[in-house]
Amino acid sequence: MTASYIVRYHGNAADKAGFLSHYRESHAPILRQFPGIGSLVLHHGVDFTDPFPVNPGGNLLIAQMTFDDLPTLNAALTSSARAEARDDFGNFPAFDGEVTHQAFIAERVF
Protein backbone atom coordinates (compact mmCIF):
# COMPACT_ATOMS: atom_id res chain seq x y z
CA MET A 1 0.00 0.00 0.00
CA THR A 2 1.16 3.51 -0.80
CA ALA A 3 2.10 5.68 2.16
CA SER A 4 1.61 9.44 2.31
CA TYR A 5 3.13 11.98 4.65
CA ILE A 6 0.85 14.97 5.02
CA VAL A 7 2.03 18.33 6.37
CA ARG A 8 -0.89 20.66 7.06
CA TYR A 9 -0.46 24.42 7.42
CA HIS A 10 -3.69 25.38 9.17
CA GLY A 11 -3.87 29.15 9.38
CA ASN A 12 -2.76 32.09 7.31
CA ALA A 13 0.27 33.96 6.04
CA ALA A 14 0.31 37.71 5.48
CA ASP A 15 2.17 37.02 2.23
CA LYS A 16 0.37 33.93 0.88
CA ALA A 17 2.03 34.15 -2.54
CA GLY A 18 5.48 34.47 -0.94
CA PHE A 19 4.79 31.53 1.36
CA LEU A 20 3.73 29.30 -1.52
CA SER A 21 6.60 30.53 -3.68
CA HIS A 22 9.13 29.69 -0.97
CA TYR A 23 7.58 26.26 -0.59
CA ARG A 24 7.74 25.56 -4.32
CA GLU A 25 11.12 27.10 -5.11
CA SER A 26 13.17 26.47 -1.96
CA HIS A 27 11.50 23.84 0.21
CA ALA A 28 10.39 21.39 -2.51
CA PRO A 29 13.95 20.86 -3.82
CA ILE A 30 14.94 19.76 -0.30
CA LEU A 31 11.96 17.40 -0.09
CA ARG A 32 12.95 15.94 -3.47
CA GLN A 33 16.09 14.64 -1.74
CA PHE A 34 14.08 12.43 0.66
CA PRO A 35 15.15 8.86 -0.06
CA GLY A 36 12.35 6.96 -1.82
CA ILE A 37 9.98 9.90 -2.26
CA GLY A 38 7.64 9.29 -5.18
CA SER A 39 5.83 12.61 -5.46
CA LEU A 40 5.00 15.91 -3.82
CA VAL A 41 1.52 17.33 -4.33
CA LEU A 42 0.65 20.77 -2.95
CA HIS A 43 -3.01 21.40 -2.12
CA HIS A 44 -3.72 25.17 -1.93
CA GLY A 45 -6.79 26.50 -0.20
CA VAL A 46 -9.12 28.33 -2.62
CA ASP A 47 -12.55 29.93 -2.42
CA PHE A 48 -15.34 27.63 -3.53
CA THR A 49 -19.12 27.60 -3.83
CA ASP A 50 -21.13 24.89 -2.10
CA PRO A 51 -24.93 25.20 -1.96
CA PHE A 52 -24.94 23.34 1.37
CA PRO A 53 -23.63 24.72 4.67
CA VAL A 54 -20.11 23.42 5.31
CA ASN A 55 -17.30 24.29 7.69
CA PRO A 56 -14.35 25.62 5.63
CA GLY A 57 -11.06 23.93 6.50
CA GLY A 58 -8.90 26.99 7.05
CA ASN A 59 -5.78 25.45 5.56
CA LEU A 60 -3.33 27.63 3.68
CA LEU A 61 -1.51 24.60 2.31
CA ILE A 62 -1.50 20.83 2.58
CA ALA A 63 1.66 19.15 1.31
CA GLN A 64 1.34 15.48 0.40
CA MET A 65 4.47 13.40 -0.07
CA THR A 66 4.04 9.84 -1.33
CA PHE A 67 6.20 6.77 -0.81
CA ASP A 68 5.91 3.16 -1.98
CA ASP A 69 5.29 1.88 1.54
CA LEU A 70 5.57 2.71 5.24
CA PRO A 71 9.14 1.42 5.70
CA THR A 72 10.32 3.71 2.88
CA LEU A 73 8.52 6.67 4.48
CA ASN A 74 10.05 5.89 7.89
CA ALA A 75 13.53 5.75 6.34
CA ALA A 76 12.99 9.14 4.69
CA LEU A 77 11.97 10.65 8.03
CA THR A 78 15.35 9.74 9.52
CA SER A 79 17.34 11.13 6.59
CA SER A 80 19.62 14.16 6.51
CA ALA A 81 17.22 15.70 3.95
CA ARG A 82 14.46 15.62 6.58
CA ALA A 83 16.73 17.46 9.03
CA GLU A 84 17.47 20.04 6.33
CA ALA A 85 13.75 20.46 5.61
CA ARG A 86 13.05 21.06 9.30
CA ASP A 87 15.80 23.68 9.41
CA ASP A 88 14.37 25.39 6.32
CA PHE A 89 11.08 26.09 8.10
CA GLY A 90 12.84 29.00 9.78
CA ASN A 91 13.27 30.58 6.32
CA PHE A 92 9.55 30.56 5.47
CA PRO A 93 7.64 33.85 5.30
CA ALA A 94 5.69 34.51 8.50
CA PHE A 95 2.89 32.00 9.12
CA ASP A 96 0.23 32.36 11.81
CA GLY A 97 -1.31 29.01 12.60
CA GLU A 98 -0.62 25.40 13.39
CA VAL A 99 1.54 22.97 11.43
CA THR A 100 0.77 19.26 11.80
CA HIS A 101 2.43 16.15 10.36
CA GLN A 102 0.69 12.82 9.84
CA ALA A 103 1.36 9.60 7.95
CA PHE A 104 -1.38 7.77 6.06
CA ILE A 105 -1.80 4.53 4.16
CA ALA A 106 -3.93 4.96 1.03
CA GLU A 107 -6.96 2.80 0.37
CA ARG A 108 -8.56 3.36 -3.02
CA VAL A 109 -12.30 2.71 -2.82
CA PHE A 110 -13.05 3.53 -6.48
C-alpha atoms as a PDB file:
ATOM      1  CA  MET A   1       0.000   0.000   0.000  1.00  0.00           C
ATOM      2  CA  THR A   2       1.164   3.505  -0.803  1.00  0.00           C
ATOM      3  CA  ALA A   3       2.096   5.676   2.164  1.00  0.00           C
ATOM      4  CA  SER A   4       1.610   9.444   2.309  1.00  0.00           C
ATOM      5  CA  TYR A   5       3.132  11.985   4.646  1.00  0.00           C
ATOM      6  CA  ILE A   6       0.855  14.975   5.025  1.00  0.00           C
ATOM      7  CA  VAL A   7       2.025  18.329   6.366  1.00  0.00           C
ATOM      8  CA  ARG A   8      -0.886  20.660   7.059  1.00  0.00           C
ATOM      9  CA  TYR A   9      -0.457  24.424   7.417  1.00  0.00           C
ATOM     10  CA  HIS A  10      -3.695  25.382   9.167  1.00  0.00           C
ATOM     11  CA  GLY A  11      -3.872  29.154   9.376  1.00  0.00           C
ATOM     12  CA  ASN A  12      -2.765  32.085   7.309  1.00  0.00           C
ATOM     13  CA  ALA A  13       0.266  33.957   6.041  1.00  0.00           C
ATOM     14  CA  ALA A  14       0.309  37.708   5.481  1.00  0.00           C
ATOM     15  CA  ASP A  15       2.174  37.019   2.227  1.00  0.00           C
ATOM     16  CA  LYS A  16       0.371  33.927   0.882  1.00  0.00           C
ATOM     17  CA  ALA A  17       2.030  34.152  -2.535  1.00  0.00           C
ATOM     18  CA  GLY A  18       5.480  34.474  -0.939  1.00  0.00           C
ATOM     19  CA  PHE A  19       4.790  31.531   1.364  1.00  0.00           C
ATOM     20  CA  LEU A  20       3.726  29.300  -1.523  1.00  0.00           C
ATOM     21  CA  SER A  21       6.599  30.534  -3.683  1.00  0.00           C
ATOM     22  CA  HIS A  22       9.133  29.691  -0.971  1.00  0.00           C
ATOM     23  CA  TYR A  23       7.582  26.258  -0.591  1.00  0.00           C
ATOM     24  CA  ARG A  24       7.744  25.562  -4.324  1.00  0.00           C
ATOM     25  CA  GLU A  25      11.124  27.101  -5.114  1.00  0.00           C
ATOM     26  CA  SER A  26      13.170  26.474  -1.956  1.00  0.00           C
ATOM     27  CA  HIS A  27      11.504  23.838   0.208  1.00  0.00           C
ATOM     28  CA  ALA A  28      10.388  21.392  -2.508  1.00  0.00           C
ATOM     29  CA  PRO A  29      13.952  20.861  -3.816  1.00  0.00           C
ATOM     30  CA  ILE A  30      14.943  19.765  -0.298  1.00  0.00           C
ATOM     31  CA  LEU A  31      11.961  17.396  -0.095  1.00  0.00           C
ATOM     32  CA  ARG A  32      12.953  15.937  -3.470  1.00  0.00           C
ATOM     33  CA  GLN A  33      16.092  14.638  -1.737  1.00  0.00           C
ATOM     34  CA  PHE A  34      14.075  12.435   0.661  1.00  0.00           C
ATOM     35  CA  PRO A  35      15.153   8.855  -0.063  1.00  0.00           C
ATOM     36  CA  GLY A  36      12.353   6.958  -1.818  1.00  0.00           C
ATOM     37  CA  ILE A  37       9.977   9.901  -2.260  1.00  0.00           C
ATOM     38  CA  GLY A  38       7.638   9.295  -5.182  1.00  0.00           C
ATOM     39  CA  SER A  39       5.833  12.611  -5.461  1.00  0.00           C
ATOM     40  CA  LEU A  40       5.002  15.905  -3.816  1.00  0.00           C
ATOM     41  CA  VAL A  41       1.520  17.334  -4.325  1.00  0.00           C
ATOM     42  CA  LEU A  42       0.649  20.768  -2.950  1.00  0.00           C
ATOM     43  CA  HIS A  43      -3.008  21.405  -2.123  1.00  0.00           C
ATOM     44  CA  HIS A  44      -3.717  25.170  -1.925  1.00  0.00           C
ATOM     45  CA  GLY A  45      -6.788  26.495  -0.196  1.00  0.00           C
ATOM     46  CA  VAL A  46      -9.115  28.326  -2.618  1.00  0.00           C
ATOM     47  CA  ASP A  47     -12.552  29.930  -2.418  1.00  0.00           C
ATOM     48  CA  PHE A  48     -15.343  27.632  -3.534  1.00  0.00           C
ATOM     49  CA  THR A  49     -19.120  27.603  -3.833  1.00  0.00           C
ATOM     50  CA  ASP A  50     -21.132  24.894  -2.097  1.00  0.00           C
ATOM     51  CA  PRO A  51     -24.933  25.198  -1.964  1.00  0.00           C
ATOM     52  CA  PHE A  52     -24.935  23.340   1.370  1.00  0.00           C
ATOM     53  CA  PRO A  53     -23.634  24.717   4.666  1.00  0.00           C
ATOM     54  CA  VAL A  54     -20.110  23.422   5.312  1.00  0.00           C
ATOM     55  CA  ASN A  55     -17.304  24.288   7.690  1.00  0.00           C
ATOM     56  CA  PRO A  56     -14.349  25.618   5.634  1.00  0.00           C
ATOM     57  CA  GLY A  57     -11.057  23.931   6.498  1.00  0.00           C
ATOM     58  CA  GLY A  58      -8.902  26.995   7.054  1.00  0.00           C
ATOM     59  CA  ASN A  59      -5.780  25.449   5.561  1.00  0.00           C
ATOM     60  CA  LEU A  60      -3.326  27.625   3.683  1.00  0.00           C
ATOM     61  CA  LEU A  61      -1.507  24.596   2.313  1.00  0.00           C
ATOM     62  CA  ILE A  62      -1.498  20.828   2.583  1.00  0.00           C
ATOM     63  CA  ALA A  63       1.659  19.149   1.311  1.00  0.00           C
ATOM     64  CA  GLN A  64       1.341  15.476   0.405  1.00  0.00           C
ATOM     65  CA  MET A  65       4.475  13.399  -0.074  1.00  0.00           C
ATOM     66  CA  THR A  66       4.040   9.842  -1.334  1.00  0.00           C
ATOM     67  CA  PHE A  67       6.202   6.773  -0.813  1.00  0.00           C
ATOM     68  CA  ASP A  68       5.906   3.158  -1.980  1.00  0.00           C
ATOM     69  CA  ASP A  69       5.294   1.877   1.543  1.00  0.00           C
ATOM     70  CA  LEU A  70       5.567   2.709   5.242  1.00  0.00           C
ATOM     71  CA  PRO A  71       9.144   1.417   5.700  1.00  0.00           C
ATOM     72  CA  THR A  72      10.316   3.713   2.879  1.00  0.00           C
ATOM     73  CA  LEU A  73       8.517   6.669   4.483  1.00  0.00           C
ATOM     74  CA  ASN A  74      10.049   5.892   7.885  1.00  0.00           C
ATOM     75  CA  ALA A  75      13.526   5.747   6.341  1.00  0.00           C
ATOM     76  CA  ALA A  76      12.988   9.142   4.692  1.00  0.00           C
ATOM     77  CA  LEU A  77      11.971  10.651   8.031  1.00  0.00           C
ATOM     78  CA  THR A  78      15.353   9.737   9.520  1.00  0.00           C
ATOM     79  CA  SER A  79      17.343  11.131   6.587  1.00  0.00           C
ATOM     80  CA  SER A  80      19.617  14.159   6.514  1.00  0.00           C
ATOM     81  CA  ALA A  81      17.222  15.704   3.954  1.00  0.00           C
ATOM     82  CA  ARG A  82      14.462  15.616   6.583  1.00  0.00           C
ATOM     83  CA  ALA A  83      16.726  17.458   9.028  1.00  0.00           C
ATOM     84  CA  GLU A  84      17.466  20.037   6.327  1.00  0.00           C
ATOM     85  CA  ALA A  85      13.746  20.459   5.608  1.00  0.00           C
ATOM     86  CA  ARG A  86      13.050  21.055   9.303  1.00  0.00           C
ATOM     87  CA  ASP A  87      15.803  23.681   9.408  1.00  0.00           C
ATOM     88  CA  ASP A  88      14.368  25.394   6.317  1.00  0.00           C
ATOM     89  CA  PHE A  89      11.077  26.089   8.099  1.00  0.00           C
ATOM     90  CA  GLY A  90      12.844  29.003   9.777  1.00  0.00           C
ATOM     91  CA  ASN A  91      13.273  30.583   6.319  1.00  0.00           C
ATOM     92  CA  PHE A  92       9.555  30.564   5.466  1.00  0.00           C
ATOM     93  CA  PRO A  93       7.639  33.852   5.304  1.00  0.00           C
ATOM     94  CA  ALA A  94       5.686  34.508   8.503  1.00  0.00           C
ATOM     95  CA  PHE A  95       2.885  31.998   9.120  1.00  0.00           C
ATOM     96  CA  ASP A  96       0.225  32.355  11.805  1.00  0.00           C
ATOM     97  CA  GLY A  97      -1.309  29.014  12.605  1.00  0.00           C
ATOM     98  CA  GLU A  98      -0.615  25.397  13.393  1.00  0.00           C
ATOM     99  CA  VAL A  99       1.539  22.970  11.434  1.00  0.00           C
ATOM    100  CA  THR A 100       0.771  19.261  11.799  1.00  0.00           C
ATOM    101  CA  HIS A 101       2.429  16.145  10.362  1.00  0.00           C
ATOM    102  CA  GLN A 102       0.689  12.825   9.838  1.00  0.00           C
ATOM    103  CA  ALA A 103       1.357   9.595   7.949  1.00  0.00           C
ATOM    104  CA  PHE A 104      -1.382   7.774   6.063  1.00  0.00           C
ATOM    105  CA  ILE A 105      -1.800   4.533   4.155  1.00  0.00           C
ATOM    106  CA  ALA A 106      -3.926   4.960   1.026  1.00  0.00           C
ATOM    107  CA  GLU A 107      -6.959   2.800   0.375  1.00  0.00           C
ATOM    108  CA  ARG A 108      -8.564   3.363  -3.020  1.00  0.00           C
ATOM    109  CA  VAL A 109     -12.299   2.709  -2.819  1.00  0.00           C
ATOM    110  CA  PHE A 110     -13.051   3.534  -6.481  1.00  0.00           C
END
